[in-house]
Protein backbone atom coordinates (compact mmCIF):
# COMPACT_ATOMS: atom_id res chain seq x y z
CA MET A 1 -48.94 -81.46 2.51
CA PHE A 2 -47.25 -80.55 5.76
CA SER A 3 -43.88 -81.10 4.05
CA LEU A 4 -44.71 -78.01 1.97
CA HIS A 5 -43.95 -75.91 5.06
CA ARG A 6 -40.30 -76.23 4.05
CA PHE A 7 -41.00 -73.71 1.28
CA GLY A 8 -41.84 -71.15 3.99
CA ILE A 9 -44.10 -68.15 3.56
CA LYS A 10 -43.97 -66.47 0.16
CA LEU A 11 -46.37 -63.61 -0.41
CA GLY A 12 -47.57 -62.97 -3.95
CA LEU A 13 -50.38 -63.84 -6.36
CA ASP A 14 -48.59 -65.28 -9.39
CA VAL A 15 -48.49 -68.89 -8.20
CA ILE A 16 -52.08 -69.00 -6.92
CA SER A 17 -53.25 -67.36 -10.17
CA HIS A 18 -51.46 -70.05 -12.16
CA ILE A 19 -52.99 -72.86 -10.11
CA LEU A 20 -56.54 -71.50 -10.21
CA ARG A 21 -56.35 -70.85 -13.95
CA HIS A 22 -55.53 -74.54 -14.51
CA LEU A 23 -58.40 -75.53 -12.18
CA GLY A 24 -60.85 -73.54 -14.30
CA ASN A 25 -60.96 -70.49 -12.03
CA PRO A 26 -63.21 -71.98 -9.32
CA GLU A 27 -63.14 -68.70 -7.38
CA LYS A 28 -65.39 -67.15 -10.04
CA LYS A 29 -68.20 -69.67 -9.50
CA PHE A 30 -69.61 -68.30 -6.24
CA ALA A 31 -70.05 -65.05 -4.34
CA CYS A 32 -67.69 -64.45 -1.44
CA ILE A 33 -66.89 -62.32 1.59
CA HIS A 34 -63.20 -61.66 2.25
CA ILE A 35 -61.99 -61.08 5.82
CA ALA A 36 -58.64 -59.69 6.97
CA GLY A 37 -57.39 -58.29 10.29
CA THR A 38 -55.23 -59.15 13.26
CA ASN A 39 -57.80 -60.85 15.50
CA GLY A 40 -61.41 -61.94 15.30
CA LYS A 41 -61.39 -63.12 11.68
CA GLY A 42 -62.48 -66.65 12.53
CA SER A 43 -65.22 -65.57 14.92
CA ILE A 44 -66.62 -63.16 12.33
CA ALA A 45 -66.32 -65.66 9.48
CA SER A 46 -67.97 -68.47 11.43
CA GLY A 47 -70.84 -66.25 12.56
CA LEU A 48 -71.52 -65.02 9.04
CA ALA A 49 -71.33 -68.53 7.61
CA GLN A 50 -73.93 -69.78 10.07
CA ILE A 51 -76.23 -66.82 9.44
CA LEU A 52 -76.09 -67.27 5.66
CA GLN A 53 -76.65 -70.99 6.00
CA THR A 54 -79.74 -70.32 8.15
CA ALA A 55 -80.91 -67.91 5.44
CA GLY A 56 -81.01 -70.85 3.02
CA CYS A 57 -77.66 -70.36 1.29
CA ARG A 58 -75.15 -73.12 0.62
CA VAL A 59 -72.04 -71.78 2.33
CA GLY A 60 -68.31 -72.53 2.24
CA LEU A 61 -66.08 -71.45 5.14
CA TYR A 62 -62.28 -71.27 4.82
CA THR A 63 -60.23 -70.47 7.92
CA SER A 64 -56.79 -71.20 9.32
CA PRO A 65 -55.00 -72.65 11.11
CA HIS A 66 -56.74 -75.87 12.08
CA LEU A 67 -56.62 -77.02 15.69
CA ILE A 68 -56.74 -80.81 15.43
CA ARG A 69 -57.62 -81.93 11.89
CA PHE A 70 -56.76 -80.31 8.56
CA ASN A 71 -60.41 -80.78 7.54
CA GLU A 72 -61.40 -77.97 9.94
CA ARG A 73 -60.04 -75.44 7.45
CA ILE A 74 -62.60 -76.22 4.73
CA ILE A 75 -66.26 -76.45 5.73
CA VAL A 76 -69.36 -76.71 3.55
CA ASN A 77 -72.71 -75.98 5.19
CA GLY A 78 -71.33 -76.54 8.66
CA THR A 79 -69.64 -79.87 7.85
CA GLU A 80 -65.92 -80.45 7.40
CA VAL A 81 -64.98 -81.80 3.98
CA THR A 82 -64.07 -85.48 3.95
CA ASP A 83 -60.62 -87.03 3.80
CA GLU A 84 -61.43 -88.32 0.31
CA GLU A 85 -62.39 -84.84 -0.88
CA ILE A 86 -59.16 -83.43 0.52
CA VAL A 87 -57.04 -86.08 -1.17
CA ASN A 88 -58.81 -85.57 -4.52
CA ALA A 89 -58.40 -81.79 -4.29
CA TYR A 90 -54.72 -82.20 -3.43
CA LEU A 91 -54.16 -84.48 -6.41
CA ALA A 92 -55.97 -82.01 -8.68
CA VAL A 93 -53.61 -79.23 -7.59
CA LYS A 94 -50.54 -81.46 -7.69
CA ALA A 95 -51.28 -82.45 -11.31
CA ILE A 96 -51.03 -78.85 -12.50
CA PRO A 97 -47.84 -77.96 -14.43
CA LYS A 98 -45.30 -76.50 -12.03
CA PRO A 99 -45.27 -72.67 -11.92
CA ASP A 100 -42.13 -70.54 -11.64
CA ARG A 101 -41.65 -71.63 -8.02
CA ASP A 102 -43.03 -74.38 -5.81
CA ALA A 103 -46.38 -73.60 -4.20
CA THR A 104 -46.41 -73.12 -0.44
CA PHE A 105 -48.61 -74.99 2.01
CA PHE A 106 -51.06 -72.06 2.21
CA GLU A 107 -51.23 -71.66 -1.58
CA TYR A 108 -52.04 -75.36 -1.92
CA THR A 109 -54.65 -75.15 0.82
CA THR A 110 -56.31 -72.05 -0.62
CA ALA A 111 -56.52 -73.55 -4.10
CA MET A 112 -57.94 -76.77 -2.67
CA ALA A 113 -60.59 -74.88 -0.68
CA LEU A 114 -61.75 -72.83 -3.67
CA HIS A 115 -61.78 -75.95 -5.85
CA LEU A 116 -63.88 -77.85 -3.30
CA PHE A 117 -66.29 -74.96 -2.83
CA ALA A 118 -66.90 -74.81 -6.58
CA LYS A 119 -67.42 -78.58 -6.76
CA ALA A 120 -69.84 -78.40 -3.83
CA GLY A 121 -71.84 -75.68 -5.57
CA VAL A 122 -71.74 -73.17 -2.73
CA ASP A 123 -73.66 -69.92 -3.16
CA TRP A 124 -71.37 -68.00 -0.82
CA ALA A 125 -67.85 -68.56 0.48
CA ILE A 126 -66.54 -66.83 3.59
CA ILE A 127 -62.77 -66.59 3.15
CA GLU A 128 -60.27 -65.63 5.84
CA THR A 129 -56.85 -64.31 4.82
CA GLY A 130 -53.76 -66.14 5.96
CA MET A 131 -51.28 -63.28 6.48
CA GLY A 132 -51.75 -59.64 5.61
CA GLY A 133 -53.99 -59.20 2.62
CA ARG A 134 -52.49 -57.44 -0.38
CA LEU A 135 -50.20 -60.33 -1.36
CA ASP A 136 -52.03 -63.09 0.51
CA ALA A 137 -53.04 -66.03 -1.68
CA THR A 138 -56.72 -65.38 -0.93
CA ASN A 139 -56.51 -61.93 -2.52
CA ILE A 140 -57.16 -63.49 -5.91
CA LEU A 141 -60.85 -63.14 -4.97
CA ARG A 142 -63.29 -60.53 -6.21
CA PRO A 143 -65.61 -60.38 -3.21
CA GLU A 144 -69.02 -58.83 -2.71
CA LEU A 145 -67.92 -57.49 0.67
CA CYS A 146 -64.62 -56.98 2.49
CA ILE A 147 -64.18 -56.95 6.26
CA ILE A 148 -61.07 -55.76 8.12
CA SER A 149 -61.56 -56.60 11.78
CA ASN A 150 -58.80 -54.75 13.63
CA ILE A 151 -55.10 -54.01 13.37
CA SER A 152 -52.15 -54.51 15.71
CA LEU A 153 -48.43 -54.99 15.21
CA GLU A 154 -47.77 -58.53 13.94
CA HIS A 155 -45.65 -60.34 11.34
CA ARG A 156 -43.45 -57.27 11.04
CA PHE A 157 -40.88 -59.04 8.85
CA TYR A 158 -43.58 -59.52 6.21
CA LEU A 159 -46.05 -56.68 6.78
CA GLY A 160 -44.09 -53.69 8.08
CA ASN A 161 -43.09 -52.07 11.35
CA THR A 162 -45.91 -49.59 11.89
CA ILE A 163 -49.68 -49.73 12.24
CA ALA A 164 -49.96 -47.71 9.02
CA ASP A 165 -47.72 -50.15 7.11
CA ILE A 166 -49.63 -53.20 8.34
CA THR A 167 -52.97 -51.52 7.62
CA GLY A 168 -51.80 -50.87 4.08
CA GLU A 169 -51.09 -54.58 3.62
CA LYS A 170 -54.37 -55.75 5.15
CA GLY A 171 -56.26 -52.98 3.35
CA GLY A 172 -54.93 -54.45 0.12
CA ILE A 173 -58.03 -56.68 0.02
CA ILE A 174 -60.18 -53.63 -0.77
CA LYS A 175 -61.59 -53.90 -4.29
CA PRO A 176 -63.14 -51.27 -6.61
CA ASN A 177 -66.71 -50.32 -5.74
CA THR A 178 -66.88 -53.05 -3.09
CA PRO A 179 -68.19 -52.20 0.41
CA VAL A 180 -65.68 -52.40 3.26
CA ILE A 181 -66.55 -52.87 6.93
CA THR A 182 -63.92 -52.34 9.60
CA GLY A 183 -63.42 -52.23 13.34
CA VAL A 184 -60.01 -50.48 13.30
CA THR A 185 -59.62 -47.72 15.89
CA GLN A 186 -56.14 -46.21 15.46
CA LYS A 187 -56.05 -42.86 13.68
CA SER A 188 -53.23 -43.91 11.38
CA ALA A 189 -55.08 -47.11 10.43
CA ILE A 190 -58.32 -45.25 9.78
CA GLN A 191 -56.50 -42.75 7.58
CA VAL A 192 -54.89 -45.50 5.51
CA LEU A 193 -58.19 -47.33 5.00
CA GLU A 194 -60.03 -44.13 4.13
CA THR A 195 -57.38 -43.34 1.50
CA LEU A 196 -57.44 -46.85 0.02
CA ALA A 197 -61.23 -46.96 -0.04
CA ALA A 198 -61.44 -43.55 -1.71
CA GLU A 199 -58.93 -44.61 -4.37
CA LYS A 200 -61.07 -47.67 -5.14
CA SER A 201 -64.43 -45.86 -4.82
CA ALA A 202 -65.26 -48.44 -2.17
CA PRO A 203 -67.88 -47.47 0.46
CA LEU A 204 -66.26 -47.66 3.91
CA TYR A 205 -68.26 -48.37 7.08
CA ARG A 206 -66.48 -47.97 10.43
CA LEU A 207 -67.40 -49.30 13.85
CA GLY A 208 -67.93 -46.28 16.09
CA ALA A 209 -68.78 -44.01 13.18
CA ASN A 210 -71.23 -45.62 10.74
CA PHE A 211 -72.46 -48.29 13.14
CA LYS A 212 -72.19 -48.55 16.93
CA VAL A 213 -72.83 -50.83 19.87
CA ARG A 214 -73.90 -50.08 23.42
CA ARG A 215 -72.80 -52.72 25.88
CA GLY A 216 -75.00 -54.17 28.58
CA LYS A 217 -74.35 -56.96 31.07
CA ASN A 218 -73.60 -60.65 30.49
CA GLY A 219 -72.81 -60.34 26.80
CA CYS A 220 -75.90 -58.27 25.98
CA PHE A 221 -75.72 -55.21 23.73
CA SER A 222 -77.73 -52.96 21.45
CA TYR A 223 -76.73 -52.25 17.87
CA SER A 224 -77.28 -48.97 16.05
CA GLY A 225 -76.43 -49.70 12.45
CA ILE A 226 -76.23 -48.36 8.95
CA THR A 227 -79.98 -48.74 8.37
CA HIS A 228 -81.14 -50.97 11.25
CA GLN A 229 -81.53 -50.71 15.02
CA TRP A 230 -81.37 -54.03 16.90
CA LYS A 231 -81.83 -53.93 20.67
CA ASN A 232 -81.28 -56.54 23.37
CA MET A 233 -78.86 -58.62 21.31
CA LYS A 234 -76.66 -61.23 23.00
CA ILE A 235 -73.37 -62.78 22.00
CA GLY A 236 -72.76 -66.36 23.10
CA LEU A 237 -68.97 -66.17 22.71
CA PRO A 238 -67.29 -65.08 25.97
CA GLY A 239 -65.15 -61.95 26.15
CA ALA A 240 -66.12 -58.30 25.82
CA HIS A 241 -64.21 -58.03 22.53
CA GLN A 242 -66.67 -60.42 20.91
CA ILE A 243 -69.30 -57.69 20.96
CA ASP A 244 -67.15 -55.68 18.53
CA ASN A 245 -66.85 -58.78 16.33
CA ALA A 246 -70.63 -59.21 16.51
CA ALA A 247 -71.06 -55.60 15.40
CA LEU A 248 -69.01 -56.33 12.28
CA VAL A 249 -71.17 -59.40 11.61
CA LEU A 250 -74.33 -57.30 11.95
CA ALA A 251 -72.98 -54.57 9.66
CA ALA A 252 -72.12 -57.26 7.11
CA CYS A 253 -75.68 -58.59 7.33
CA GLU A 254 -77.00 -55.09 6.67
CA ILE A 255 -74.84 -54.74 3.55
CA LEU A 256 -75.92 -58.16 2.29
CA MET A 257 -79.56 -57.26 2.91
CA GLN A 258 -79.03 -54.08 0.88
CA LYS A 259 -77.71 -56.30 -1.91
CA GLY A 260 -81.00 -58.19 -1.89
CA LEU A 261 -80.17 -61.18 0.29
CA SER A 262 -83.10 -62.19 2.49
CA ILE A 263 -81.90 -62.57 6.09
CA ASN A 264 -84.34 -62.90 8.97
CA PRO A 265 -83.31 -60.68 11.94
CA ASP A 266 -84.54 -63.39 14.33
CA ASP A 267 -82.11 -65.83 12.73
CA ILE A 268 -79.30 -63.33 13.18
CA ARG A 269 -80.22 -62.87 16.83
CA HIS A 270 -80.38 -66.61 17.48
CA THR A 271 -77.08 -67.34 15.71
CA LEU A 272 -75.15 -64.68 17.63
CA ALA A 273 -76.52 -65.94 20.92
CA THR A 274 -75.71 -69.60 20.31
CA TYR A 275 -72.77 -70.14 17.94
CA SER A 276 -69.30 -71.15 19.08
CA TRP A 277 -65.78 -70.93 17.72
CA PRO A 278 -63.41 -73.62 19.06
CA GLY A 279 -60.21 -72.70 20.87
CA ARG A 280 -61.18 -69.10 21.55
CA LEU A 281 -62.11 -68.56 25.20
CA GLU A 282 -63.66 -72.00 25.17
CA ILE A 283 -64.53 -73.81 28.39
CA ILE A 284 -63.81 -77.49 27.93
CA ALA A 285 -64.65 -78.96 31.35
CA ALA A 286 -66.93 -77.80 34.12
CA ARG A 287 -65.29 -77.34 37.48
CA CYS A 288 -65.15 -80.55 39.52
CA GLU A 289 -66.53 -82.59 36.61
CA LYS A 290 -65.53 -86.24 37.14
CA ILE A 291 -64.01 -88.02 34.14
CA PRO A 292 -63.65 -91.82 34.18
CA GLY A 293 -59.99 -92.74 34.57
CA VAL A 294 -59.03 -89.14 35.31
CA GLY A 295 -61.10 -88.12 38.32
CA ALA A 296 -62.32 -84.67 39.25
CA VAL A 297 -61.22 -82.12 36.68
CA PRO A 298 -60.90 -78.37 37.26
CA GLU A 299 -62.46 -75.85 34.93
CA ILE A 300 -60.34 -75.68 31.76
CA ILE A 301 -60.26 -72.60 29.53
CA ILE A 302 -58.46 -72.70 26.21
CA ASP A 303 -57.74 -69.60 24.17
CA GLY A 304 -55.15 -69.21 21.42
CA ALA A 305 -54.07 -65.73 22.56
CA HIS A 306 -51.45 -66.04 19.83
CA ASN A 307 -50.45 -62.38 19.65
CA LEU A 308 -50.17 -59.43 22.01
CA MET A 309 -53.63 -58.00 21.35
CA ALA A 310 -55.25 -61.38 21.97
CA ALA A 311 -53.15 -61.94 25.10
CA ARG A 312 -54.25 -58.59 26.53
CA LYS A 313 -57.89 -59.46 25.89
CA LEU A 314 -57.45 -62.84 27.55
CA GLY A 315 -55.69 -61.19 30.48
CA ARG A 316 -58.61 -58.80 30.98
CA PHE A 317 -61.08 -61.68 30.78
CA LEU A 318 -59.17 -63.71 33.38
CA LYS A 319 -58.83 -60.73 35.70
CA GLN A 320 -62.54 -59.93 35.47
CA ASN A 321 -63.75 -63.50 35.93
CA TYR A 322 -61.07 -65.48 37.78
CA ALA A 323 -59.21 -63.01 39.97
CA GLU A 324 -60.03 -64.96 43.14
CA GLN A 325 -59.29 -68.41 41.68
CA LYS A 326 -56.08 -70.44 41.84
CA LEU A 327 -55.28 -70.39 38.13
CA THR A 328 -52.69 -72.58 36.42
CA LEU A 329 -51.47 -71.24 33.08
CA VAL A 330 -50.17 -73.67 30.46
CA ILE A 331 -48.44 -71.56 27.83
CA GLY A 332 -46.30 -72.03 24.74
CA ILE A 333 -45.39 -69.25 22.31
CA LEU A 334 -43.98 -69.06 18.79
CA GLU A 335 -40.57 -67.51 18.26
CA ASP A 336 -41.81 -64.54 16.19
CA LYS A 337 -44.15 -63.28 18.91
CA PRO A 338 -43.44 -60.57 21.56
CA TYR A 339 -43.24 -63.20 24.27
CA ILE A 340 -42.19 -60.90 27.13
CA SER A 341 -45.19 -58.63 26.57
CA ILE A 342 -47.50 -61.65 26.20
CA LEU A 343 -46.27 -63.01 29.53
CA GLN A 344 -46.72 -59.61 31.16
CA SER A 345 -50.33 -59.57 29.97
CA LEU A 346 -51.18 -63.02 31.36
CA LEU A 347 -49.01 -63.83 34.36
CA PRO A 348 -50.53 -61.34 36.86
CA CYS A 349 -53.75 -63.40 36.69
CA CYS A 350 -51.99 -66.67 37.52
CA HIS A 351 -51.11 -68.70 40.60
CA ARG A 352 -48.68 -71.04 38.84
CA VAL A 353 -47.27 -71.53 35.32
CA ILE A 354 -46.36 -74.53 33.17
CA LEU A 355 -44.21 -73.61 30.15
CA THR A 356 -44.48 -75.85 27.11
CA GLU A 357 -43.66 -76.02 23.38
CA PRO A 358 -45.94 -76.81 20.42
CA ASP A 359 -44.74 -79.40 17.91
CA ILE A 360 -43.81 -76.93 15.19
CA ASP A 361 -40.44 -75.63 14.04
CA ARG A 362 -41.46 -72.03 14.78
CA ARG A 363 -41.79 -72.74 18.52
CA LEU A 364 -39.94 -70.70 21.12
CA GLU A 365 -37.95 -72.85 23.53
CA ALA A 366 -39.50 -72.91 26.98
CA GLU A 367 -36.12 -72.11 28.52
CA ALA A 368 -36.30 -68.67 26.90
CA LEU A 369 -39.55 -68.01 28.75
CA LEU A 370 -38.46 -69.35 32.13
CA PRO A 371 -36.54 -66.38 33.62
CA HIS A 372 -39.21 -63.89 32.55
CA ALA A 373 -42.03 -66.03 33.94
CA ARG A 374 -40.26 -66.65 37.26
CA GLN A 375 -39.80 -62.92 37.78
CA VAL A 376 -43.58 -62.76 38.20
CA ILE A 377 -44.63 -66.29 39.23
CA GLU A 378 -42.07 -68.20 41.26
CA ASP A 379 -43.98 -71.47 40.85
CA THR A 380 -43.06 -71.92 37.18
CA VAL A 381 -41.96 -75.22 35.64
CA ILE A 382 -41.16 -76.55 32.16
CA VAL A 383 -43.01 -79.53 30.67
CA LYS A 384 -42.02 -79.53 27.02
CA LYS A 385 -44.67 -81.70 25.38
CA VAL A 386 -48.09 -80.05 25.35
CA ALA A 387 -49.95 -83.27 26.15
CA ASP A 388 -47.70 -83.84 29.18
CA ALA A 389 -48.10 -80.23 30.27
CA VAL A 390 -51.89 -80.50 30.16
CA ALA A 391 -51.82 -83.79 32.08
CA THR A 392 -49.51 -82.25 34.68
CA ALA A 393 -51.81 -79.25 35.06
CA ILE A 394 -54.84 -81.50 35.62
CA LYS A 395 -53.00 -83.66 38.18
CA THR A 396 -51.63 -80.72 40.15
CA THR A 397 -54.51 -78.23 40.01
CA PRO A 398 -57.20 -78.72 42.67
CA PRO A 399 -60.69 -79.55 41.31
CA ASP A 400 -61.97 -76.16 42.45
CA GLY A 401 -59.13 -74.38 40.63
CA VAL A 402 -58.85 -73.25 37.00
CA ILE A 403 -56.52 -74.18 34.13
CA CYS A 404 -55.96 -71.85 31.17
CA VAL A 405 -54.13 -73.06 28.04
CA ALA A 406 -52.86 -70.24 25.83
CA GLY A 407 -50.05 -68.67 23.82
CA SER A 408 -50.54 -70.24 20.40
CA LEU A 409 -53.30 -71.89 18.40
CA TYR A 410 -50.85 -74.74 17.83
CA VAL A 411 -50.61 -75.25 21.60
CA VAL A 412 -54.40 -75.09 21.84
CA GLY A 413 -54.82 -77.68 19.09
CA GLU A 414 -52.45 -80.14 20.78
CA ALA A 415 -54.12 -79.47 24.13
CA MET A 416 -57.57 -80.13 22.68
CA GLN A 417 -56.38 -83.42 21.23
CA SER A 418 -54.87 -84.51 24.54
CA LEU A 419 -58.07 -83.56 26.40
CA LYS A 420 -60.08 -85.52 23.84
CA ASN A 421 -57.83 -88.52 24.40
CA MET A 422 -58.58 -88.26 28.13
CA GLY A 423 -62.30 -88.10 27.47
CA ILE A 424 -62.52 -84.42 28.41
CA THR A 425 -64.40 -82.99 25.44
CA ARG A 426 -67.71 -81.63 26.66
CA PRO A 427 -67.99 -77.89 25.96
CA VAL A 428 -69.74 -76.12 28.80
CA THR A 429 -71.43 -72.73 28.62
CA GLU A 430 -72.75 -72.64 32.16
CA ASN A 431 -71.27 -74.11 35.32
């Protein structure tokens, strides 16, 4: 399957339509929620999936990319699909008569996920877009609810050079008479979504207008919604931005409740306070934890921070929580990202930097990062393999220091695997 990457990224719905038609249109056999946006899609999707599962629904969850195993992309009722199921789904797609062009990796994966969800008999599927929305392979869906988390400049070659252009692409998931929930804040983005929603007669609900949050301390907040008021809520995911994501989850629950789905508010409260989403501001090891064969390990934070908006959020989090700590940053970035701005967002929080490269052809060479990093942090070195970079960070960071791995979800995935190989796997929520 990974060899399909050679076909690159090709936006359009003809090929996925052809594949799904030959599979018996599995996407029509369950209800779904479709999620687009720049950041937060996975956190929102995972939270909603867990809430619906607690409500007694059989739930499919489709996200990307995976961090360690391909199976992470396709989850049924909280459990990754098996290797055998993946192979059988791949063979089912491969057996279909070839369309006008070869299917891409993402088209294959999307078709496989929808096929597996139908075979598993899910009631609901929570589907995250891959890139954009309008021509994304997932846009073959006819969802019960659409969510557009937020918008920033990304994938300009494919989606456009302005916030309005990119919003138009992501807003392409809006369907006739289908509710839309969004957390976008820019005036141009709001205007585009309002126009698209009006054209489709789709009710539009905006964070800050139709539903609001009031922040408290330590991840606590109150929610004033479309029809509900929920006070003293708490989000278990670290980072102030997760409260906005939680607000979108709560608004989605309200819409689903209006549609007749029975969801217990206590279950919503418990899920938000306890669920996790790997590789996003995740603490892997407690400070000074001793690992057999490794020794005392510093606190390790991993966060994809794969675009500028995410890097700025991570930078704020590190500044607020680790300003007095000796922090080692392990970072690798893809070539299509604004790497200078990403470095500027993260380096002021750091004591030293290890530049690395994920094992993917879209990686940016560490040498390109070196002069920009050394302008800010003189103690900057290159360790090209992610596993070696992580090992170097652990060996050279004092046990009472902090390591942060960031810059790409591909870097995070390789780092998580290397930590697992070292026996450093225990997620920690409190030190």
